[in-house]
Amino acid sequence: MDVGSGGAVAVDPDELRRLAAAADGDAARLEGLAGDIRRVAHELGDAVVGLDGMYACAVLVAAHASGAADLARAMRFAADAYELVELRARALMDEQDDALAEMLRLRSRQLEERSPGAGGEAERLLAEWRAAHGDEFARQLQGGPGRLLAMFGLSSPLMLAPVPFLVEGLRRAGTGRIRDGAHLRGRAHRPELHPGARGRPGRAPGSLSDLGDRVPDGADATIRVERYTMADGRREFAVYVAGTQGGGTTVLDWESNLRLYSGRRSQASEAVELALREAGATPGDVLHAVGFSQGGMIAGWLAAEGRYDVRTLVTLGAPAEVEARPRTLVVTVRHDDDPVPLLVGGAAPHSLGSDESVLVQGTVHPMSTPRDLVIPAHRLPAYRETLRAFEGSGDPRVAGIRERIAVLQDASAVEVFDFRPEKAPERAQRRGGGGAF
């Protein structure tokens, strides 16, 4: 399992510069100490046996001083290269006005003049990050499934077109990336909500794995909303959205998947909005959004559109990611051997959300076997296990996430609303019209 802040680099350039300044200070102090030792040795002359040892000590201390100075220079170079990665990522991904674009160009020029070669290093880091995206899935695809298909004289279309090229194509198309402030386009027919439990008593989540465990598996519900009433009367909400349920009458179908991925409103996104309203949520209310696969994509759109104050966003195996605002704690969980997160072709080379946000990546099934054809890595139970492993990893960021969730434990009342929405009947769709399909 690998835990980071997301993006091509996970190092704060300003922190590196602070460390470089500290290393410069150490170098200066060591150089001063070396000079003091040389002066003492010179003043003692031949009177002290082992005088050569004092000079040797001075040379050793001076070497350490030079090493500290070299380290400081290397850290400043790395800081400039990492900042250039961030600037180039921003230039590629953000819609900018002329003034901002000019500011980015000037800052980039300053960094490259100060640190010759840093621009090339920034390009190398970006290229290396992009090339690694999809490696594990490609390896497994060429393994067991490839051998099994070859036995029957068949080949997978994915195997004929190397995964990195597909990922690069998605990146260039900008698919799978949701900008902060973006809105779903068009309209969708109003689904039938079919409420299940309405306001039954519940308990607040106390951990990240609690959030994952509340995502519906589709057996009894596909959307769950929890309402937390605090002692002062203030209310917060959490919404948990299942993944794609296949075909039939469910709103979480493949059509909804494609519509959401292309930035269009769907009956599934409408159902989540209706469920929140049914539970009493109003625009501006604090919301914690959690979703698996298509449900994670819907949760991302909720954070982007800004109707609710989304404080926590947890996505499990989602085919999209949102450039969340700085106050949103984002927990992104992906499996390297799950092809669905590869659809985030435009994944941001910079971290998303608040400073406490994390990207958790793991490999569910490292061995390449024919079983990989059924994609075991894209299963809700597998993602729940990864969340539990992250919580037990000892990573210091776990405490900050738990602290954010623990606020809900202060609720004086917790009410649970379950929903299993279905598509509007064919006649109602024709009568309503206006659906942008």
Protein backbone atom coordinates (compact mmCIF):
# COMPACT_ATOMS: atom_id res chain seq x y z
CA MET A 1 0.00 0.00 0.00
CA ASP A 2 1.25 3.45 -0.89
CA VAL A 3 -0.07 6.58 0.83
CA GLY A 4 0.62 10.07 -0.46
CA SER A 5 -0.99 13.42 -1.02
CA GLY A 6 -1.60 12.75 -4.71
CA GLY A 7 0.02 14.35 -7.71
CA ALA A 8 3.34 13.88 -9.47
CA VAL A 9 5.30 15.04 -6.43
CA ALA A 10 4.34 14.90 -2.78
CA VAL A 11 6.92 17.34 -1.41
CA ASP A 12 6.26 20.92 -0.39
CA PRO A 13 8.87 23.13 -2.17
CA ASP A 14 8.77 25.72 0.63
CA GLU A 15 9.48 23.03 3.21
CA LEU A 16 12.47 21.88 1.15
CA ARG A 17 13.75 25.45 1.04
CA ARG A 18 13.44 25.71 4.82
CA LEU A 19 15.46 22.51 5.16
CA ALA A 20 18.03 23.88 2.71
CA ALA A 21 18.38 27.04 4.83
CA ALA A 22 18.92 24.88 7.92
CA ALA A 23 21.57 22.85 6.06
CA ASP A 24 23.30 26.10 5.05
CA GLY A 25 23.38 27.09 8.72
CA ASP A 26 24.89 23.72 9.65
CA ALA A 27 27.50 24.11 6.90
CA ALA A 28 28.48 27.55 8.19
CA ARG A 29 28.81 26.28 11.76
CA LEU A 30 30.88 23.27 10.69
CA GLU A 31 33.16 25.46 8.57
CA GLY A 32 33.65 27.75 11.57
CA LEU A 33 34.48 24.76 13.76
CA ALA A 34 37.01 23.50 11.20
CA GLY A 35 38.67 26.95 11.23
CA ASP A 36 38.82 26.95 15.04
CA ILE A 37 40.50 23.53 15.05
CA ARG A 38 43.06 24.66 12.44
CA ARG A 39 43.91 27.79 14.48
CA VAL A 40 44.40 25.80 17.68
CA ALA A 41 46.61 23.32 15.85
CA HIS A 42 48.66 26.18 14.40
CA GLU A 43 49.09 27.89 17.79
CA LEU A 44 50.22 24.67 19.45
CA GLY A 45 52.86 24.12 16.80
CA ASP A 46 55.11 21.09 17.41
CA ALA A 47 54.55 21.09 21.18
CA VAL A 48 51.73 18.55 21.11
CA VAL A 49 52.16 14.96 20.05
CA GLY A 50 49.50 13.95 17.53
CA LEU A 51 49.30 17.36 15.96
CA ASP A 52 48.63 15.72 12.60
CA GLY A 53 45.49 14.26 14.15
CA MET A 54 44.14 17.77 14.84
CA TYR A 55 44.72 18.86 11.28
CA ALA A 56 43.09 15.65 10.06
CA CYS A 57 40.09 16.43 12.31
CA ALA A 58 39.86 19.93 10.81
CA VAL A 59 39.91 18.46 7.28
CA LEU A 60 37.14 15.98 8.22
CA VAL A 61 34.94 18.71 9.73
CA ALA A 62 35.49 20.90 6.66
CA ALA A 63 34.43 17.97 4.45
CA HIS A 64 31.21 17.64 6.44
CA ALA A 65 30.66 21.39 6.01
CA SER A 66 31.08 21.03 2.24
CA GLY A 67 28.68 18.08 2.22
CA ALA A 68 26.05 20.09 4.09
CA ALA A 69 26.44 22.95 1.60
CA ASP A 70 26.09 20.50 -1.32
CA LEU A 71 22.95 19.05 0.28
CA ALA A 72 21.48 22.55 0.66
CA ARG A 73 22.13 23.28 -3.04
CA ALA A 74 20.53 19.96 -4.06
CA MET A 75 17.45 20.66 -1.95
CA ARG A 76 17.04 24.14 -3.43
CA PHE A 77 17.34 22.68 -6.93
CA ALA A 78 14.74 20.02 -6.11
CA ALA A 79 12.43 22.65 -4.59
CA ASP A 80 12.63 24.72 -7.77
CA ALA A 81 12.00 21.63 -9.93
CA TYR A 82 8.99 20.61 -7.80
CA GLU A 83 7.56 24.11 -7.96
CA LEU A 84 7.96 24.03 -11.74
CA VAL A 85 5.97 20.77 -11.78
CA GLU A 86 3.17 22.52 -9.89
CA LEU A 87 3.29 25.58 -12.15
CA ARG A 88 3.22 23.51 -15.33
CA ALA A 89 0.41 21.36 -13.97
CA ARG A 90 -1.55 24.48 -13.18
CA ALA A 91 -0.86 25.93 -16.61
CA LEU A 92 -2.05 22.72 -18.26
CA MET A 93 -5.15 22.18 -16.15
CA ASP A 94 -6.50 25.54 -15.06
CA GLU A 95 -8.48 27.99 -17.08
CA GLN A 96 -6.57 31.23 -16.58
CA ASP A 97 -6.91 34.85 -17.44
CA ASP A 98 -4.03 36.59 -19.20
CA ALA A 99 -2.69 38.14 -15.98
CA LEU A 100 -2.44 34.80 -14.19
CA ALA A 101 -0.88 33.11 -17.23
CA GLU A 102 1.77 35.85 -17.41
CA MET A 103 2.48 35.51 -13.69
CA LEU A 104 3.02 31.75 -14.10
CA ARG A 105 5.38 32.33 -17.04
CA LEU A 106 7.43 34.90 -15.12
CA ARG A 107 7.76 32.67 -12.06
CA SER A 108 8.76 29.70 -14.24
CA ARG A 109 11.44 31.81 -15.94
CA GLN A 110 12.82 32.95 -12.57
CA LEU A 111 13.08 29.38 -11.31
CA GLU A 112 14.78 28.10 -14.48
CA GLU A 113 17.29 30.98 -14.45
CA ARG A 114 18.06 30.38 -10.78
CA SER A 115 18.35 26.62 -11.16
CA PRO A 116 19.57 25.67 -14.67
CA GLY A 117 18.28 22.21 -15.50
CA ALA A 118 15.30 22.39 -13.13
CA GLY A 119 12.91 22.70 -16.08
CA GLY A 120 14.20 19.47 -17.58
CA GLU A 121 13.89 17.73 -14.21
CA ALA A 122 10.29 18.96 -13.90
CA GLU A 123 9.46 17.48 -17.32
CA ARG A 124 11.12 14.19 -16.33
CA LEU A 125 9.08 13.99 -13.13
CA LEU A 126 5.83 14.66 -14.99
CA ALA A 127 6.67 12.10 -17.69
CA GLU A 128 7.66 9.49 -15.10
CA TRP A 129 4.43 10.05 -13.15
CA ARG A 130 2.30 9.71 -16.27
CA ALA A 131 4.14 6.61 -17.49
CA ALA A 132 3.63 4.81 -14.16
CA HIS A 133 -0.15 5.35 -14.29
CA GLY A 134 -1.62 1.97 -15.26
CA ASP A 135 1.58 -0.09 -15.02
CA GLU A 136 0.22 -2.68 -12.60
CA PHE A 137 -3.02 -3.22 -14.50
CA ALA A 138 -1.11 -3.57 -17.79
CA ARG A 139 1.27 -6.11 -16.23
CA GLN A 140 -1.57 -8.24 -14.92
CA LEU A 141 -3.51 -7.94 -18.19
CA GLN A 142 -0.54 -9.31 -20.10
CA GLY A 143 -0.20 -12.15 -17.59
CA GLY A 144 -2.89 -14.67 -16.66
CA PRO A 145 -5.79 -13.23 -18.74
CA GLY A 146 -3.53 -12.84 -21.76
CA ARG A 147 -2.33 -16.43 -21.58
CA LEU A 148 -5.89 -17.70 -21.11
CA LEU A 149 -7.20 -15.79 -24.13
CA ALA A 150 -4.22 -16.85 -26.24
CA MET A 151 -5.10 -20.52 -25.59
CA PHE A 152 -8.33 -19.90 -27.51
CA GLY A 153 -6.70 -17.85 -30.22
CA LEU A 154 -8.23 -14.66 -28.85
CA SER A 155 -6.72 -11.36 -27.83
CA SER A 156 -8.10 -8.56 -25.74
CA PRO A 157 -8.55 -5.15 -27.44
CA LEU A 158 -6.92 -3.63 -24.39
CA MET A 159 -3.88 -5.84 -24.92
CA LEU A 160 -3.60 -4.77 -28.54
CA ALA A 161 -3.46 -1.10 -27.52
CA PRO A 162 -0.96 -0.63 -24.66
CA VAL A 163 -2.56 0.79 -21.56
CA PRO A 164 -0.20 3.79 -21.27
CA PHE A 165 -1.32 5.05 -24.70
CA LEU A 166 -4.96 4.74 -23.70
CA VAL A 167 -4.30 6.61 -20.46
CA GLU A 168 -2.40 9.32 -22.31
CA GLY A 169 -5.30 9.69 -24.74
CA LEU A 170 -7.73 10.13 -21.85
CA ARG A 171 -5.36 12.64 -20.25
CA ARG A 172 -5.18 14.73 -23.41
CA ALA A 173 -8.97 14.62 -23.68
CA GLY A 174 -9.23 15.86 -20.07
CA THR A 175 -11.72 13.16 -19.16
CA GLY A 176 -12.38 12.04 -15.62
CA ARG A 177 -11.40 15.37 -14.10
CA ILE A 178 -14.02 17.57 -12.46
CA ARG A 179 -13.09 21.20 -11.95
CA ASP A 180 -14.09 22.94 -8.74
CA GLY A 181 -17.16 25.03 -9.53
CA ALA A 182 -18.16 22.94 -12.56
CA HIS A 183 -21.80 21.92 -13.02
CA LEU A 184 -23.39 18.94 -14.69
CA ARG A 185 -24.92 19.88 -18.03
CA GLY A 186 -28.42 19.30 -19.34
CA ARG A 187 -31.41 17.75 -17.60
CA ALA A 188 -32.46 14.28 -16.56
CA HIS A 189 -35.84 12.71 -15.89
CA ARG A 190 -36.95 12.67 -12.29
CA PRO A 191 -36.52 9.11 -10.94
CA GLU A 192 -38.83 7.28 -8.56
CA LEU A 193 -37.19 7.46 -5.14
CA HIS A 194 -38.74 4.43 -3.37
CA PRO A 195 -37.74 5.30 0.20
CA GLY A 196 -36.92 2.48 2.55
CA ALA A 197 -36.08 3.41 6.13
CA ARG A 198 -37.11 7.00 6.85
CA GLY A 199 -35.42 8.62 9.80
CA ARG A 200 -34.68 5.47 11.80
CA PRO A 201 -32.25 6.01 14.71
CA GLY A 202 -28.61 5.33 13.98
CA ARG A 203 -25.14 6.07 15.27
CA ALA A 204 -22.51 8.45 13.97
CA PRO A 205 -19.41 7.08 12.22
CA GLY A 206 -16.21 7.12 14.27
CA SER A 207 -13.61 6.15 11.68
CA LEU A 208 -12.77 6.13 8.00
CA SER A 209 -13.65 2.44 7.72
CA ASP A 210 -17.05 3.25 9.27
CA LEU A 211 -17.68 5.53 6.29
CA GLY A 212 -16.72 2.79 3.85
CA ASP A 213 -18.89 0.22 5.61
CA ARG A 214 -21.96 2.46 5.20
CA VAL A 215 -21.74 2.62 1.41
CA PRO A 216 -24.71 0.49 0.25
CA ASP A 217 -24.02 -2.69 -1.69
CA GLY A 218 -27.33 -2.46 -3.56
CA ALA A 219 -29.03 -5.35 -1.79
CA ASP A 220 -31.47 -3.22 0.22
CA ALA A 221 -30.53 0.32 -0.83
CA THR A 222 -28.27 2.20 -3.24
CA ILE A 223 -28.29 5.59 -1.48
CA ARG A 224 -28.04 6.18 2.25
CA VAL A 225 -28.35 9.60 3.89
CA GLU A 226 -27.59 10.27 7.55
CA ARG A 227 -28.75 13.40 9.36
CA TYR A 228 -26.80 14.52 12.42
CA THR A 229 -28.45 17.02 14.75
CA MET A 230 -25.97 18.70 17.08
CA ALA A 231 -26.66 19.87 20.61
CA ASP A 232 -26.94 23.49 19.41
CA GLY A 233 -29.57 22.53 16.83
CA ARG A 234 -27.17 22.72 13.89
CA ARG A 235 -27.43 19.88 11.37
CA GLU A 236 -24.89 18.09 9.21
CA PHE A 237 -25.50 15.37 6.63
CA ALA A 238 -23.65 12.44 5.09
CA VAL A 239 -24.54 10.70 1.85
CA TYR A 240 -23.27 7.27 0.84
CA VAL A 241 -23.73 6.17 -2.79
CA ALA A 242 -23.33 2.67 -4.23
CA GLY A 243 -21.56 1.79 -7.46
CA THR A 244 -23.08 0.76 -10.77
CA GLN A 245 -25.80 -1.86 -10.36
CA GLY A 246 -25.98 -3.01 -13.99
CA GLY A 247 -29.13 -2.66 -16.07
CA GLY A 248 -32.81 -3.07 -15.32
CA THR A 249 -34.71 -0.32 -13.57
CA THR A 250 -31.90 0.95 -11.33
CA VAL A 251 -30.81 4.55 -11.90
CA LEU A 252 -27.19 3.51 -11.19
CA ASP A 253 -26.88 1.90 -14.62
CA TRP A 254 -24.31 2.08 -17.40
CA GLU A 255 -26.13 4.92 -19.14
CA SER A 256 -25.86 7.01 -15.99
CA ASN A 257 -22.17 6.12 -15.79
CA LEU A 258 -21.51 7.43 -19.30
CA ARG A 259 -23.57 10.58 -18.79
CA LEU A 260 -21.78 11.49 -15.57
CA TYR A 261 -18.35 10.70 -17.02
CA SER A 262 -19.06 13.09 -19.89
CA GLY A 263 -20.30 15.79 -17.48
CA ARG A 264 -24.04 15.40 -18.04
CA ARG A 265 -26.78 15.12 -15.46
CA SER A 266 -28.25 11.64 -14.97
CA GLN A 267 -31.17 10.05 -13.15
CA ALA A 268 -28.63 8.73 -10.61
CA SER A 269 -27.34 12.23 -9.77
CA GLU A 270 -30.94 13.46 -9.63
CA ALA A 271 -31.78 10.62 -7.23
CA VAL A 272 -28.98 11.64 -4.86
CA GLU A 273 -30.20 15.24 -4.86
CA LEU A 274 -33.77 14.06 -4.17
CA ALA A 275 -32.58 11.79 -1.36
CA LEU A 276 -30.73 14.66 0.31
CA ARG A 277 -33.81 16.89 0.09
CA GLU A 278 -36.00 14.08 1.42
CA ALA A 279 -33.68 13.83 4.45
CA GLY A 280 -34.01 17.58 5.06
CA ALA A 281 -30.76 18.88 3.55
CA THR A 282 -30.85 22.37 2.07
CA PRO A 283 -28.25 24.26 0.00
CA GLY A 284 -25.35 25.43 2.15
CA ASP A 285 -25.65 22.60 4.70
CA VAL A 286 -22.48 20.78 5.76
CA LEU A 287 -22.19 17.50 3.86
CA HIS A 288 -19.86 14.50 3.99
CA ALA A 289 -19.97 12.59 0.67
CA VAL A 290 -18.80 9.01 0.25
CA GLY A 291 -19.14 6.82 -2.83
CA PHE A 292 -17.89 3.71 -4.61
CA SER A 293 -17.22 3.67 -8.36
CA GLN A 294 -20.12 5.59 -10.02
CA GLY A 295 -21.17 6.67 -6.52
CA GLY A 296 -17.73 8.23 -6.02
CA MET A 297 -18.16 10.17 -9.25
CA ILE A 298 -21.52 11.51 -8.01
CA ALA A 299 -19.93 12.45 -4.67
CA GLY A 300 -17.22 14.33 -6.60
CA TRP A 301 -19.80 16.30 -8.56
CA LEU A 302 -21.56 17.22 -5.29
CA ALA A 303 -18.28 18.68 -4.03
CA ALA A 304 -17.59 20.53 -7.28
CA GLU A 305 -21.00 22.08 -7.79
CA GLY A 306 -20.92 23.75 -4.39
CA ARG A 307 -24.61 23.64 -3.47
CA TYR A 308 -23.59 21.97 -0.21
CA ASP A 309 -20.62 22.71 2.02
CA VAL A 310 -18.78 19.44 1.39
CA ARG A 311 -16.27 19.08 4.22
CA THR A 312 -15.30 15.45 3.58
CA LEU A 313 -15.10 13.62 0.25
CA VAL A 314 -14.23 9.91 0.17
CA THR A 315 -14.11 8.11 -3.19
CA LEU A 316 -13.43 4.40 -3.65
CA GLY A 317 -12.41 3.21 -7.12
CA ALA A 318 -14.02 6.21 -8.82
CA PRO A 319 -13.52 6.90 -12.56
CA ALA A 320 -13.23 10.64 -11.87
CA GLU A 321 -11.66 13.03 -9.42
CA VAL A 322 -12.57 16.56 -8.39
CA GLU A 323 -10.26 19.51 -7.89
CA ALA A 324 -11.78 20.10 -4.48
CA ARG A 325 -11.54 23.40 -2.64
CA PRO A 326 -8.92 23.78 0.12
CA ARG A 327 -11.38 23.29 2.99
CA THR A 328 -12.49 19.86 1.72
CA LEU A 329 -10.70 16.82 3.16
CA VAL A 330 -10.35 14.41 0.23
CA VAL A 331 -9.60 10.72 0.72
CA THR A 332 -9.07 9.00 -2.64
CA VAL A 333 -8.67 5.22 -2.62
CA ARG A 334 -7.54 3.42 -5.77
CA HIS A 335 -6.29 -0.07 -6.58
CA ASP A 336 -3.42 -0.32 -9.04
CA ASP A 337 -4.95 -3.45 -10.58
CA ASP A 338 -8.40 -1.86 -10.98
CA PRO A 339 -8.95 -0.42 -14.48
CA VAL A 340 -11.77 1.92 -13.43
CA PRO A 341 -9.52 4.57 -11.77
CA LEU A 342 -7.44 4.58 -14.98
CA LEU A 343 -10.36 6.44 -16.54
CA VAL A 344 -9.09 9.46 -14.59
CA GLY A 345 -6.91 10.18 -17.60
CA GLY A 346 -6.63 13.82 -16.60
CA ALA A 347 -5.57 13.05 -13.02
CA ALA A 348 -4.07 16.13 -11.43
CA PRO A 349 -0.26 16.23 -11.09
CA HIS A 350 -0.82 18.24 -7.90
CA SER A 351 -2.55 17.37 -4.63
CA LEU A 352 -6.28 18.03 -4.27
CA GLY A 353 -8.35 19.40 -1.41
CA SER A 354 -7.03 20.33 2.01
CA ASP A 355 -3.48 19.77 3.26
CA GLU A 356 -4.73 16.71 5.17
CA SER A 357 -6.04 15.03 2.01
CA VAL A 358 -4.57 11.66 1.03
CA LEU A 359 -4.34 9.30 -1.92
CA VAL A 360 -4.28 5.65 -0.84
CA GLN A 361 -3.18 3.14 -3.47
CA GLY A 362 -2.82 -0.61 -3.15
CA THR A 363 -2.73 -3.81 -5.15
CA VAL A 364 -5.48 -6.29 -4.30
CA HIS A 365 -4.39 -9.30 -6.34
CA PRO A 366 -0.64 -9.10 -7.13
CA MET A 367 -0.49 -12.50 -8.86
CA SER A 368 -1.46 -12.45 -12.52
CA THR A 369 -4.01 -15.22 -13.04
CA PRO A 370 -7.11 -15.84 -15.20
CA ARG A 371 -9.14 -14.63 -12.21
CA ASP A 372 -8.09 -11.11 -13.14
CA LEU A 373 -10.63 -11.25 -15.98
CA VAL A 374 -13.40 -10.62 -13.43
CA ILE A 375 -11.47 -7.62 -12.01
CA PRO A 376 -11.46 -8.60 -8.31
CA ALA A 377 -9.81 -5.27 -7.48
CA HIS A 378 -13.01 -3.40 -8.41
CA ARG A 379 -15.17 -4.73 -5.61
CA LEU A 380 -16.62 -2.76 -2.70
CA PRO A 381 -15.42 -5.34 -0.09
CA ALA A 382 -11.87 -5.03 -1.46
CA TYR A 383 -11.96 -1.24 -1.06
CA ARG A 384 -13.31 -1.58 2.46
CA GLU A 385 -10.35 -3.82 3.29
CA THR A 386 -7.93 -1.21 1.90
CA LEU A 387 -9.52 1.46 4.10
CA ARG A 388 -9.06 -0.77 7.15
CA ALA A 389 -5.45 -1.47 6.21
CA PHE A 390 -4.77 2.27 5.85
CA GLU A 391 -6.30 2.95 9.27
CA GLY A 392 -4.09 0.30 10.84
CA SER A 393 -0.95 1.40 9.00
CA GLY A 394 0.24 3.88 11.62
CA ASP A 395 0.34 6.67 9.04
CA PRO A 396 0.17 9.99 10.94
CA ARG A 397 -2.49 11.33 8.58
CA VAL A 398 -5.00 8.80 9.89
CA ALA A 399 -5.32 10.78 13.14
CA GLY A 400 -6.26 13.97 11.29
CA ILE A 401 -8.92 12.18 9.26
CA ARG A 402 -10.33 10.49 12.35
CA GLU A 403 -10.46 13.88 14.09
CA ARG A 404 -12.53 15.31 11.22
CA ILE A 405 -14.98 12.39 11.38
CA ALA A 406 -15.12 12.41 15.20
CA VAL A 407 -16.97 15.74 15.10
CA LEU A 408 -20.06 13.76 14.11
CA GLN A 409 -19.86 11.84 17.39
CA ASP A 410 -21.09 15.02 19.11
CA ALA A 411 -24.51 14.65 17.46
CA SER A 412 -27.37 14.43 19.92
CA ALA A 413 -29.48 12.59 17.32
CA VAL A 414 -28.61 10.52 14.25
CA GLU A 415 -31.29 9.61 11.70
CA VAL A 416 -30.86 7.24 8.76
CA PHE A 417 -32.69 7.39 5.40
CA ASP A 418 -32.32 4.55 2.89
CA PHE A 419 -33.34 4.79 -0.76
CA ARG A 420 -33.45 2.47 -3.74
CA PRO A 421 -34.35 4.79 -6.64
CA GLU A 422 -35.53 3.43 -9.97
CA LYS A 423 -35.84 4.93 -13.42
CA ALA A 424 -38.96 6.88 -14.23
CA PRO A 425 -41.47 4.76 -16.20
CA GLU A 426 -41.24 5.09 -19.98
CA ARG A 427 -44.59 6.93 -20.25
CA ALA A 428 -43.58 9.49 -17.62
CA GLN A 429 -40.32 10.14 -19.45
CA ARG A 430 -42.09 10.81 -22.74
CA ARG A 431 -44.66 13.02 -21.04
CA GLY A 432 -41.98 15.01 -19.17
CA GLY A 433 -39.74 15.42 -22.22
CA GLY A 434 -36.61 17.54 -22.17
CA GLY A 435 -34.25 14.77 -21.08
CA ALA A 436 -30.86 15.31 -22.72
CA PHE A 437 -29.81 11.78 -23.69
